[in-house]
Amino acid sequence: MTRLLARESVGMEISDDVVERFRADGAAVLRGVLDETWIERLCQGVERNRISPSPWSHWYTTPDESVGFWSDYVTWRSVPEYESVVFESGLADVAARLMGSTTARFFHEHVLVKEPGAAERTPWHHDQPYYSVDGDQNVSMWIGLDPVPADTAVRFLAGSHRWDRWFIPRRFVDHVPYAPESDRYELLPDIDALIEGDPDRHRTVSFATEPGDIVVFHYRTVHDAPGNPSTERRRRAVSLRWVGDDAVWAERPWQVSPPFEAEGLAPGDPLDDDRFPVIARRH
């Protein structure tokens, strides 16, 4: 039976500098946060997930282990390894501190795996327009299960979460925008051209990581990722998505991802729903 009651904070420590970096740049890295036991548990979960994917799983390439790029999400109820990390690792406490929130509510997990030779690039985008949630208190935790050098790591456009701009989502398969521009949502500009034209103003950050490190970023931080050029090494990542006190249900003019249904929630309602349990409370 899934645990839906919030537990008391256990207080995993992170430095003020990391918190400040996350809030200023919209992305930061936590070093050595998870020990080998948690990493191995997540590896087991990814393998369980791969063998028994959910109906929401997706292959961006031919589903062949040697060249595959696949993802899945919202499987934590059926993958006990994911569930235990969410509820028992202390990462909820870290999320609350980063967000400046008295609570950390779990939104969902997202698994992304690029097998050796999967050259597909993840396009520039930011995440919140894909989601059925509004609110500024949020954080994604990207947990790499394999070593990732800086030149193949996720790349973030520093400070872009404070642009007060909402960009139309793009399909990962062919990078096509979901919809035309509207009053609230605009097409993403040519980020590579912005960086090349003024690299000081449009600064990027990326982080070489080892298993146990966690990259944290805001839902509206613009980011991309290269393919996996390695012929031997997988690039497995489990991202945990958290929201804070100000999170409310939102509707988008396209199919949200994950494709949650409202199930009684109206735009502007708090996410008081068993699908989104509060895991930590800070005093």
C-alpha atoms as a PDB file:
ATOM      1  CA  MET A   1       0.000   0.000   0.000  1.00  0.00           C
ATOM      2  CA  THR A   2       1.423   3.386  -1.000  1.00  0.00           C
ATOM      3  CA  ARG A   3       2.306   5.713   1.835  1.00  0.00           C
ATOM      4  CA  LEU A   4       0.449   8.987   1.456  1.00  0.00           C
ATOM      5  CA  LEU A   5       0.995  10.630   4.822  1.00  0.00           C
ATOM      6  CA  ALA A   6       3.691  13.260   5.165  1.00  0.00           C
ATOM      7  CA  ARG A   7       6.605  12.392   7.401  1.00  0.00           C
ATOM      8  CA  GLU A   8       8.597  14.760   9.551  1.00  0.00           C
ATOM      9  CA  SER A   9      11.701  16.353   8.054  1.00  0.00           C
ATOM     10  CA  VAL A  10      14.959  14.548   8.778  1.00  0.00           C
ATOM     11  CA  GLY A  11      17.079  17.516   7.737  1.00  0.00           C
ATOM     12  CA  MET A  12      19.654  16.511   5.094  1.00  0.00           C
ATOM     13  CA  GLU A  13      22.188  19.347   5.057  1.00  0.00           C
ATOM     14  CA  ILE A  14      22.996  21.450   1.989  1.00  0.00           C
ATOM     15  CA  SER A  15      25.047  24.636   1.977  1.00  0.00           C
ATOM     16  CA  ASP A  16      23.715  28.182   1.711  1.00  0.00           C
ATOM     17  CA  ASP A  17      25.918  28.634  -1.356  1.00  0.00           C
ATOM     18  CA  VAL A  18      24.135  25.836  -3.221  1.00  0.00           C
ATOM     19  CA  VAL A  19      20.746  27.289  -2.294  1.00  0.00           C
ATOM     20  CA  GLU A  20      21.807  30.739  -3.494  1.00  0.00           C
ATOM     21  CA  ARG A  21      23.237  29.306  -6.726  1.00  0.00           C
ATOM     22  CA  PHE A  22      20.040  27.390  -7.427  1.00  0.00           C
ATOM     23  CA  ARG A  23      17.899  30.466  -6.886  1.00  0.00           C
ATOM     24  CA  ALA A  24      20.164  32.796  -8.906  1.00  0.00           C
ATOM     25  CA  ASP A  25      21.082  30.557 -11.864  1.00  0.00           C
ATOM     26  CA  GLY A  26      18.115  28.235 -11.785  1.00  0.00           C
ATOM     27  CA  ALA A  27      20.498  25.264 -11.661  1.00  0.00           C
ATOM     28  CA  ALA A  28      23.113  23.890  -9.268  1.00  0.00           C
ATOM     29  CA  VAL A  29      24.750  20.604  -8.333  1.00  0.00           C
ATOM     30  CA  LEU A  30      24.732  18.714  -5.033  1.00  0.00           C
ATOM     31  CA  ARG A  31      27.835  16.578  -4.623  1.00  0.00           C
ATOM     32  CA  GLY A  32      27.794  13.099  -3.096  1.00  0.00           C
ATOM     33  CA  VAL A  33      24.256  13.341  -1.769  1.00  0.00           C
ATOM     34  CA  LEU A  34      23.196   9.729  -2.355  1.00  0.00           C
ATOM     35  CA  ASP A  35      25.327   6.789  -1.303  1.00  0.00           C
ATOM     36  CA  GLU A  36      25.912   3.603  -3.296  1.00  0.00           C
ATOM     37  CA  THR A  37      22.919   1.868  -1.718  1.00  0.00           C
ATOM     38  CA  TRP A  38      20.476   4.447  -3.064  1.00  0.00           C
ATOM     39  CA  ILE A  39      22.139   4.512  -6.485  1.00  0.00           C
ATOM     40  CA  GLU A  40      22.007   0.733  -6.787  1.00  0.00           C
ATOM     41  CA  ARG A  41      18.374   0.803  -5.730  1.00  0.00           C
ATOM     42  CA  LEU A  42      17.563   3.302  -8.469  1.00  0.00           C
ATOM     43  CA  CYS A  43      19.486   1.205 -11.013  1.00  0.00           C
ATOM     44  CA  GLN A  44      17.333  -1.768 -10.066  1.00  0.00           C
ATOM     45  CA  GLY A  45      14.250   0.409 -10.443  1.00  0.00           C
ATOM     46  CA  VAL A  46      15.237   1.564 -13.924  1.00  0.00           C
ATOM     47  CA  GLU A  47      15.759  -2.031 -15.027  1.00  0.00           C
ATOM     48  CA  ARG A  48      12.384  -3.041 -13.583  1.00  0.00           C
ATOM     49  CA  ASN A  49      10.848  -0.047 -15.364  1.00  0.00           C
ATOM     50  CA  ARG A  50      12.546  -0.946 -18.665  1.00  0.00           C
ATOM     51  CA  ILE A  51      11.262  -4.510 -18.579  1.00  0.00           C
ATOM     52  CA  SER A  52       7.744  -3.467 -17.513  1.00  0.00           C
ATOM     53  CA  PRO A  53       7.128   0.027 -18.909  1.00  0.00           C
ATOM     54  CA  SER A  54       3.967   1.974 -18.208  1.00  0.00           C
ATOM     55  CA  PRO A  55       1.419   2.926 -20.899  1.00  0.00           C
ATOM     56  CA  TRP A  56       2.968   6.419 -20.774  1.00  0.00           C
ATOM     57  CA  SER A  57       6.482   5.233 -21.678  1.00  0.00           C
ATOM     58  CA  HIS A  58       7.995   6.410 -24.929  1.00  0.00           C
ATOM     59  CA  TRP A  59      10.832   5.390 -27.220  1.00  0.00           C
ATOM     60  CA  TYR A  60      12.362   8.255 -29.189  1.00  0.00           C
ATOM     61  CA  THR A  61      14.309   5.789 -31.326  1.00  0.00           C
ATOM     62  CA  THR A  62      13.875   2.190 -32.417  1.00  0.00           C
ATOM     63  CA  PRO A  63      13.358   0.227 -29.177  1.00  0.00           C
ATOM     64  CA  ASP A  64      16.693  -1.556 -29.424  1.00  0.00           C
ATOM     65  CA  GLU A  65      18.863  -1.552 -26.313  1.00  0.00           C
ATOM     66  CA  SER A  66      21.999  -0.767 -28.305  1.00  0.00           C
ATOM     67  CA  VAL A  67      20.726   2.523 -29.726  1.00  0.00           C
ATOM     68  CA  GLY A  68      17.672   3.358 -27.683  1.00  0.00           C
ATOM     69  CA  PHE A  69      16.549   6.637 -26.146  1.00  0.00           C
ATOM     70  CA  TRP A  70      13.519   6.017 -23.962  1.00  0.00           C
ATOM     71  CA  SER A  71      11.622   7.576 -21.086  1.00  0.00           C
ATOM     72  CA  ASP A  72       8.826   6.816 -18.688  1.00  0.00           C
ATOM     73  CA  TYR A  73       7.131   8.624 -15.825  1.00  0.00           C
ATOM     74  CA  VAL A  74       4.632   8.368 -12.950  1.00  0.00           C
ATOM     75  CA  THR A  75       5.554   4.743 -12.225  1.00  0.00           C
ATOM     76  CA  TRP A  76       6.570   5.243  -8.592  1.00  0.00           C
ATOM     77  CA  ARG A  77       3.552   3.329  -7.290  1.00  0.00           C
ATOM     78  CA  SER A  78       4.574   0.223  -9.256  1.00  0.00           C
ATOM     79  CA  VAL A  79       8.364   0.571  -8.958  1.00  0.00           C
ATOM     80  CA  PRO A  80       9.175   0.179  -5.247  1.00  0.00           C
ATOM     81  CA  GLU A  81      12.770   1.330  -5.720  1.00  0.00           C
ATOM     82  CA  TYR A  82      11.545   4.747  -6.907  1.00  0.00           C
ATOM     83  CA  GLU A  83       8.981   4.970  -4.135  1.00  0.00           C
ATOM     84  CA  SER A  84      11.521   4.262  -1.412  1.00  0.00           C
ATOM     85  CA  VAL A  85      13.872   6.995  -2.680  1.00  0.00           C
ATOM     86  CA  VAL A  86      11.003   9.487  -2.735  1.00  0.00           C
ATOM     87  CA  PHE A  87       9.756   8.675   0.754  1.00  0.00           C
ATOM     88  CA  GLU A  88      12.873   7.558   2.640  1.00  0.00           C
ATOM     89  CA  SER A  89      16.023   9.187   1.241  1.00  0.00           C
ATOM     90  CA  GLY A  90      15.618  12.657   2.762  1.00  0.00           C
ATOM     91  CA  LEU A  91      15.568  14.334  -0.658  1.00  0.00           C
ATOM     92  CA  ALA A  92      12.149  15.817   0.079  1.00  0.00           C
ATOM     93  CA  ASP A  93      13.780  17.884   2.849  1.00  0.00           C
ATOM     94  CA  VAL A  94      16.412  19.113   0.410  1.00  0.00           C
ATOM     95  CA  ALA A  95      13.682  20.062  -2.054  1.00  0.00           C
ATOM     96  CA  ALA A  96      11.804  22.091   0.554  1.00  0.00           C
ATOM     97  CA  ARG A  97      14.944  24.006   1.495  1.00  0.00           C
ATOM     98  CA  LEU A  98      15.855  24.763  -2.108  1.00  0.00           C
ATOM     99  CA  MET A  99      12.328  25.959  -2.846  1.00  0.00           C
ATOM    100  CA  GLY A 100      12.033  28.041   0.337  1.00  0.00           C
ATOM    101  CA  SER A 101       8.844  26.143   1.115  1.00  0.00           C
ATOM    102  CA  THR A 102       7.422  24.725   4.337  1.00  0.00           C
ATOM    103  CA  THR A 103       6.380  21.600   2.436  1.00  0.00           C
ATOM    104  CA  ALA A 104       7.746  19.410  -0.331  1.00  0.00           C
ATOM    105  CA  ARG A 105       5.021  17.775  -2.395  1.00  0.00           C
ATOM    106  CA  PHE A 106       6.003  15.056  -4.853  1.00  0.00           C
ATOM    107  CA  PHE A 107       4.761  15.810  -8.365  1.00  0.00           C
ATOM    108  CA  HIS A 108       6.185  12.863 -10.297  1.00  0.00           C
ATOM    109  CA  GLU A 109       9.344  11.036 -11.349  1.00  0.00           C
ATOM    110  CA  HIS A 110      10.689  10.988 -14.906  1.00  0.00           C
ATOM    111  CA  VAL A 111      13.173   8.415 -16.159  1.00  0.00           C
ATOM    112  CA  LEU A 112      15.336   9.194 -19.201  1.00  0.00           C
ATOM    113  CA  VAL A 113      17.765   6.635 -20.620  1.00  0.00           C
ATOM    114  CA  LYS A 114      20.100   7.144 -23.571  1.00  0.00           C
ATOM    115  CA  GLU A 115      21.705   3.835 -24.422  1.00  0.00           C
ATOM    116  CA  PRO A 116      25.200   3.736 -26.001  1.00  0.00           C
ATOM    117  CA  GLY A 117      25.128   5.305 -29.433  1.00  0.00           C
ATOM    118  CA  ALA A 118      21.805   7.142 -28.965  1.00  0.00           C
ATOM    119  CA  ALA A 119      22.734  10.350 -30.767  1.00  0.00           C
ATOM    120  CA  GLU A 120      19.379  12.102 -30.381  1.00  0.00           C
ATOM    121  CA  ARG A 121      19.735  15.576 -28.868  1.00  0.00           C
ATOM    122  CA  THR A 122      17.215  16.841 -26.338  1.00  0.00           C
ATOM    123  CA  PRO A 123      16.147  20.249 -27.707  1.00  0.00           C
ATOM    124  CA  TRP A 124      16.249  23.556 -25.828  1.00  0.00           C
ATOM    125  CA  HIS A 125      13.092  23.873 -23.732  1.00  0.00           C
ATOM    126  CA  HIS A 126      11.895  24.504 -20.220  1.00  0.00           C
ATOM    127  CA  ASP A 127       9.617  22.166 -18.357  1.00  0.00           C
ATOM    128  CA  GLN A 128       6.802  24.042 -16.639  1.00  0.00           C
ATOM    129  CA  PRO A 129       4.703  24.718 -19.771  1.00  0.00           C
ATOM    130  CA  TYR A 130       4.543  20.939 -20.254  1.00  0.00           C
ATOM    131  CA  TYR A 131       3.125  20.472 -16.742  1.00  0.00           C
ATOM    132  CA  SER A 132      -0.306  20.848 -15.189  1.00  0.00           C
ATOM    133  CA  VAL A 133       1.049  22.987 -12.350  1.00  0.00           C
ATOM    134  CA  ASP A 134       1.635  26.692 -11.735  1.00  0.00           C
ATOM    135  CA  GLY A 135       3.725  28.174  -8.936  1.00  0.00           C
ATOM    136  CA  ASP A 136       7.272  29.385  -8.496  1.00  0.00           C
ATOM    137  CA  GLN A 137       8.297  27.009  -5.700  1.00  0.00           C
ATOM    138  CA  ASN A 138       9.493  23.969  -7.600  1.00  0.00           C
ATOM    139  CA  VAL A 139      12.613  21.939  -8.249  1.00  0.00           C
ATOM    140  CA  SER A 140      13.659  19.028 -10.437  1.00  0.00           C
ATOM    141  CA  MET A 141      16.345  16.694  -9.128  1.00  0.00           C
ATOM    142  CA  TRP A 142      18.275  15.027 -11.975  1.00  0.00           C
ATOM    143  CA  ILE A 143      19.933  11.924 -10.525  1.00  0.00           C
ATOM    144  CA  GLY A 144      22.496  10.440 -12.891  1.00  0.00           C
ATOM    145  CA  LEU A 145      23.183   6.730 -12.424  1.00  0.00           C
ATOM    146  CA  ASP A 146      26.266   6.729 -14.664  1.00  0.00           C
ATOM    147  CA  PRO A 147      29.271   9.087 -14.841  1.00  0.00           C
ATOM    148  CA  VAL A 148      28.545  12.053 -17.115  1.00  0.00           C
ATOM    149  CA  PRO A 149      31.362  14.334 -18.345  1.00  0.00           C
ATOM    150  CA  ALA A 150      30.601  18.053 -18.641  1.00  0.00           C
ATOM    151  CA  ASP A 151      30.641  18.040 -22.448  1.00  0.00           C
ATOM    152  CA  THR A 152      27.744  15.551 -22.615  1.00  0.00           C
ATOM    153  CA  ALA A 153      25.831  16.833 -19.583  1.00  0.00           C
ATOM    154  CA  VAL A 154      22.559  18.741 -19.459  1.00  0.00           C
ATOM    155  CA  ARG A 155      23.260  22.413 -20.240  1.00  0.00           C
ATOM    156  CA  PHE A 156      21.325  25.225 -18.538  1.00  0.00           C
ATOM    157  CA  LEU A 157      20.862  28.858 -19.513  1.00  0.00           C
ATOM    158  CA  ALA A 158      21.684  30.616 -16.250  1.00  0.00           C
ATOM    159  CA  GLY A 159      18.956  32.909 -14.926  1.00  0.00           C
ATOM    160  CA  SER A 160      16.433  32.018 -17.621  1.00  0.00           C
ATOM    161  CA  HIS A 161      13.928  30.944 -14.961  1.00  0.00           C
ATOM    162  CA  ARG A 162      13.627  34.661 -14.071  1.00  0.00           C
ATOM    163  CA  TRP A 163      12.846  35.880 -17.584  1.00  0.00           C
ATOM    164  CA  ASP A 164       9.105  35.840 -16.839  1.00  0.00           C
ATOM    165  CA  ARG A 165       8.583  34.187 -20.234  1.00  0.00           C
ATOM    166  CA  TRP A 166       6.734  30.982 -21.005  1.00  0.00           C
ATOM    167  CA  PHE A 167       7.829  29.037 -24.064  1.00  0.00           C
ATOM    168  CA  ILE A 168       5.706  26.641 -26.067  1.00  0.00           C
ATOM    169  CA  PRO A 169       6.788  23.019 -25.504  1.00  0.00           C
ATOM    170  CA  ARG A 170       8.617  21.189 -28.265  1.00  0.00           C
ATOM    171  CA  ARG A 171       8.349  17.540 -29.191  1.00  0.00           C
ATOM    172  CA  PHE A 172      11.506  15.612 -28.392  1.00  0.00           C
ATOM    173  CA  VAL A 173      11.098  13.396 -31.469  1.00  0.00           C
ATOM    174  CA  ASP A 174      11.368  16.142 -34.112  1.00  0.00           C
ATOM    175  CA  HIS A 175      11.672  19.370 -32.038  1.00  0.00           C
ATOM    176  CA  VAL A 176       8.421  20.762 -33.488  1.00  0.00           C
ATOM    177  CA  PRO A 177       6.513  23.242 -31.221  1.00  0.00           C
ATOM    178  CA  TYR A 178       3.196  22.048 -29.821  1.00  0.00           C
ATOM    179  CA  ALA A 179       1.252  25.132 -30.935  1.00  0.00           C
ATOM    180  CA  PRO A 180       1.464  28.644 -32.437  1.00  0.00           C
ATOM    181  CA  GLU A 181       2.225  31.666 -30.261  1.00  0.00           C
ATOM    182  CA  SER A 182      -0.464  33.116 -27.990  1.00  0.00           C
ATOM    183  CA  ASP A 183      -0.833  35.858 -25.392  1.00  0.00           C
ATOM    184  CA  ARG A 184       0.881  33.815 -22.676  1.00  0.00           C
ATOM    185  CA  TYR A 185       3.104  31.415 -24.612  1.00  0.00           C
ATOM    186  CA  GLU A 186       5.764  32.282 -27.184  1.00  0.00           C
ATOM    187  CA  LEU A 187       8.008  30.299 -29.470  1.00  0.00           C
ATOM    188  CA  LEU A 188      11.440  29.617 -28.074  1.00  0.00           C
ATOM    189  CA  PRO A 189      14.084  31.892 -29.624  1.00  0.00           C
ATOM    190  CA  ASP A 190      17.242  30.502 -31.204  1.00  0.00           C
ATOM    191  CA  ILE A 191      19.100  29.866 -27.949  1.00  0.00           C
ATOM    192  CA  ASP A 192      22.321  28.776 -29.644  1.00  0.00           C
ATOM    193  CA  ALA A 193      22.407  32.067 -31.576  1.00  0.00           C
ATOM    194  CA  LEU A 194      21.803  34.059 -28.383  1.00  0.00           C
ATOM    195  CA  ILE A 195      24.695  32.291 -26.675  1.00  0.00           C
ATOM    196  CA  GLU A 196      27.025  32.742 -29.618  1.00  0.00           C
ATOM    197  CA  GLY A 197      26.096  36.413 -30.004  1.00  0.00           C
ATOM    198  CA  ASP A 198      26.527  37.381 -26.347  1.00  0.00           C
ATOM    199  CA  PRO A 199      27.995  34.570 -24.221  1.00  0.00           C
ATOM    200  CA  ASP A 200      28.455  36.826 -21.184  1.00  0.00           C
ATOM    201  CA  ARG A 201      24.808  37.808 -21.110  1.00  0.00           C
ATOM    202  CA  HIS A 202      23.584  34.334 -22.026  1.00  0.00           C
ATOM    203  CA  ARG A 203      25.802  32.241 -19.777  1.00  0.00           C
ATOM    204  CA  THR A 204      25.397  28.476 -19.674  1.00  0.00           C
ATOM    205  CA  VAL A 205      26.217  26.092 -16.851  1.00  0.00           C
ATOM    206  CA  SER A 206      26.651  22.330 -16.912  1.00  0.00           C
ATOM    207  CA  PHE A 207      28.024  19.860 -14.417  1.00  0.00           C
ATOM    208  CA  ALA A 208      30.197  16.794 -14.738  1.00  0.00           C
ATOM    209  CA  THR A 209      28.642  14.283 -12.371  1.00  0.00           C
ATOM    210  CA  GLU A 210      29.348  10.965 -10.754  1.00  0.00           C
ATOM    211  CA  PRO A 211      26.700   8.616  -9.359  1.00  0.00           C
ATOM    212  CA  GLY A 212      25.574  10.135  -6.059  1.00  0.00           C
ATOM    213  CA  ASP A 213      25.639  13.727  -7.358  1.00  0.00           C
ATOM    214  CA  ILE A 214      22.327  15.459  -8.087  1.00  0.00           C
ATOM    215  CA  VAL A 215      21.710  18.318 -10.500  1.00  0.00           C
ATOM    216  CA  VAL A 216      18.859  20.541  -9.318  1.00  0.00           C
ATOM    217  CA  PHE A 217      17.013  23.020 -11.494  1.00  0.00           C
ATOM    218  CA  HIS A 218      13.892  25.182 -11.638  1.00  0.00           C
ATOM    219  CA  TYR A 219      11.010  24.114 -13.896  1.00  0.00           C
ATOM    220  CA  ARG A 220      11.416  27.271 -15.999  1.00  0.00           C
ATOM    221  CA  THR A 221      15.190  27.101 -16.484  1.00  0.00           C
ATOM    222  CA  VAL A 222      15.855  26.680 -20.199  1.00  0.00           C
ATOM    223  CA  HIS A 223      18.043  23.637 -20.894  1.00  0.00           C
ATOM    224  CA  ASP A 224      19.098  21.102 -23.509  1.00  0.00           C
ATOM    225  CA  ALA A 225      21.182  17.927 -23.638  1.00  0.00           C
ATOM    226  CA  PRO A 226      23.366  16.231 -26.243  1.00  0.00           C
ATOM    227  CA  GLY A 227      23.087  12.635 -27.333  1.00  0.00           C
ATOM    228  CA  ASN A 228      25.159   9.860 -25.822  1.00  0.00           C
ATOM    229  CA  PRO A 229      28.247   9.430 -28.053  1.00  0.00           C
ATOM    230  CA  SER A 230      29.707   6.667 -25.907  1.00  0.00           C
ATOM    231  CA  THR A 231      29.822   3.235 -27.501  1.00  0.00           C
ATOM    232  CA  GLU A 232      29.937   1.521 -24.124  1.00  0.00           C
ATOM    233  CA  ARG A 233      28.315   3.637 -21.394  1.00  0.00           C
ATOM    234  CA  ARG A 234      24.614   4.109 -20.782  1.00  0.00           C
ATOM    235  CA  ARG A 235      23.303   7.447 -19.586  1.00  0.00           C
ATOM    236  CA  ARG A 236      20.537   6.690 -17.127  1.00  0.00           C
ATOM    237  CA  ALA A 237      18.847   9.390 -15.087  1.00  0.00           C
ATOM    238  CA  VAL A 238      15.920   9.478 -12.704  1.00  0.00           C
ATOM    239  CA  SER A 239      14.464  12.941 -12.180  1.00  0.00           C
ATOM    240  CA  LEU A 240      12.303  13.662  -9.150  1.00  0.00           C
ATOM    241  CA  ARG A 241       9.925  16.622  -9.559  1.00  0.00           C
ATOM    242  CA  TRP A 242       8.867  18.554  -6.453  1.00  0.00           C
ATOM    243  CA  VAL A 243       6.529  21.479  -5.802  1.00  0.00           C
ATOM    244  CA  GLY A 244       6.080  23.719  -2.772  1.00  0.00           C
ATOM    245  CA  ASP A 245       3.462  25.693  -0.885  1.00  0.00           C
ATOM    246  CA  ASP A 246       2.374  27.859  -3.842  1.00  0.00           C
ATOM    247  CA  ALA A 247       1.699  24.993  -6.285  1.00  0.00           C
ATOM    248  CA  VAL A 248      -1.739  25.017  -7.930  1.00  0.00           C
ATOM    249  CA  TRP A 249      -3.403  23.016 -10.662  1.00  0.00           C
ATOM    250  CA  ALA A 250      -3.073  24.493 -14.162  1.00  0.00           C
ATOM    251  CA  GLU A 251      -4.526  23.886 -17.583  1.00  0.00           C
ATOM    252  CA  ARG A 252      -2.552  24.279 -20.819  1.00  0.00           C
ATOM    253  CA  PRO A 253      -3.763  24.726 -24.408  1.00  0.00           C
ATOM    254  CA  TRP A 254      -2.207  21.339 -25.285  1.00  0.00           C
ATOM    255  CA  GLN A 255      -1.922  17.866 -23.806  1.00  0.00           C
ATOM    256  CA  VAL A 256       0.089  18.163 -20.621  1.00  0.00           C
ATOM    257  CA  SER A 257       3.000  15.837 -19.888  1.00  0.00           C
ATOM    258  CA  PRO A 258       2.576  13.695 -17.877  1.00  0.00           C
ATOM    259  CA  PRO A 259      -1.026  13.515 -19.156  1.00  0.00           C
ATOM    260  CA  PHE A 260      -2.674  13.942 -15.765  1.00  0.00           C
ATOM    261  CA  GLU A 261      -6.447  14.421 -15.779  1.00  0.00           C
ATOM    262  CA  ALA A 262      -7.990  17.100 -13.547  1.00  0.00           C
ATOM    263  CA  GLU A 263     -10.093  14.558 -11.572  1.00  0.00           C
ATOM    264  CA  GLY A 264     -11.953  17.296  -9.716  1.00  0.00           C
ATOM    265  CA  LEU A 265      -9.140  19.868  -9.614  1.00  0.00           C
ATOM    266  CA  ALA A 266      -9.888  23.279 -11.134  1.00  0.00           C
ATOM    267  CA  PRO A 267      -7.270  25.795 -12.283  1.00  0.00           C
ATOM    268  CA  GLY A 268      -5.882  27.555  -9.234  1.00  0.00           C
ATOM    269  CA  ASP A 269      -6.713  24.722  -6.823  1.00  0.00           C
ATOM    270  CA  PRO A 270      -3.949  23.487  -4.486  1.00  0.00           C
ATOM    271  CA  LEU A 271      -2.651  20.040  -5.408  1.00  0.00           C
ATOM    272  CA  ASP A 272      -4.397  18.389  -2.472  1.00  0.00           C
ATOM    273  CA  ASP A 273      -4.667  15.039  -4.173  1.00  0.00           C
ATOM    274  CA  ASP A 274      -3.358  11.566  -3.328  1.00  0.00           C
ATOM    275  CA  ARG A 275      -1.470  11.545  -6.647  1.00  0.00           C
ATOM    276  CA  PHE A 276       0.760  14.333  -5.284  1.00  0.00           C
ATOM    277  CA  PRO A 277       1.639  13.441  -1.677  1.00  0.00           C
ATOM    278  CA  VAL A 278       3.349  15.824   0.752  1.00  0.00           C
ATOM    279  CA  ILE A 279       6.549  14.051   1.775  1.00  0.00           C
ATOM    280  CA  ALA A 280       8.256  16.611   4.037  1.00  0.00           C
ATOM    281  CA  ARG A 281       7.226  19.473   6.308  1.00  0.00           C
ATOM    282  CA  ARG A 282       9.646  22.060   7.664  1.00  0.00           C
ATOM    283  CA  HIS A 283       9.055  23.936  10.905  1.00  0.00           C
END
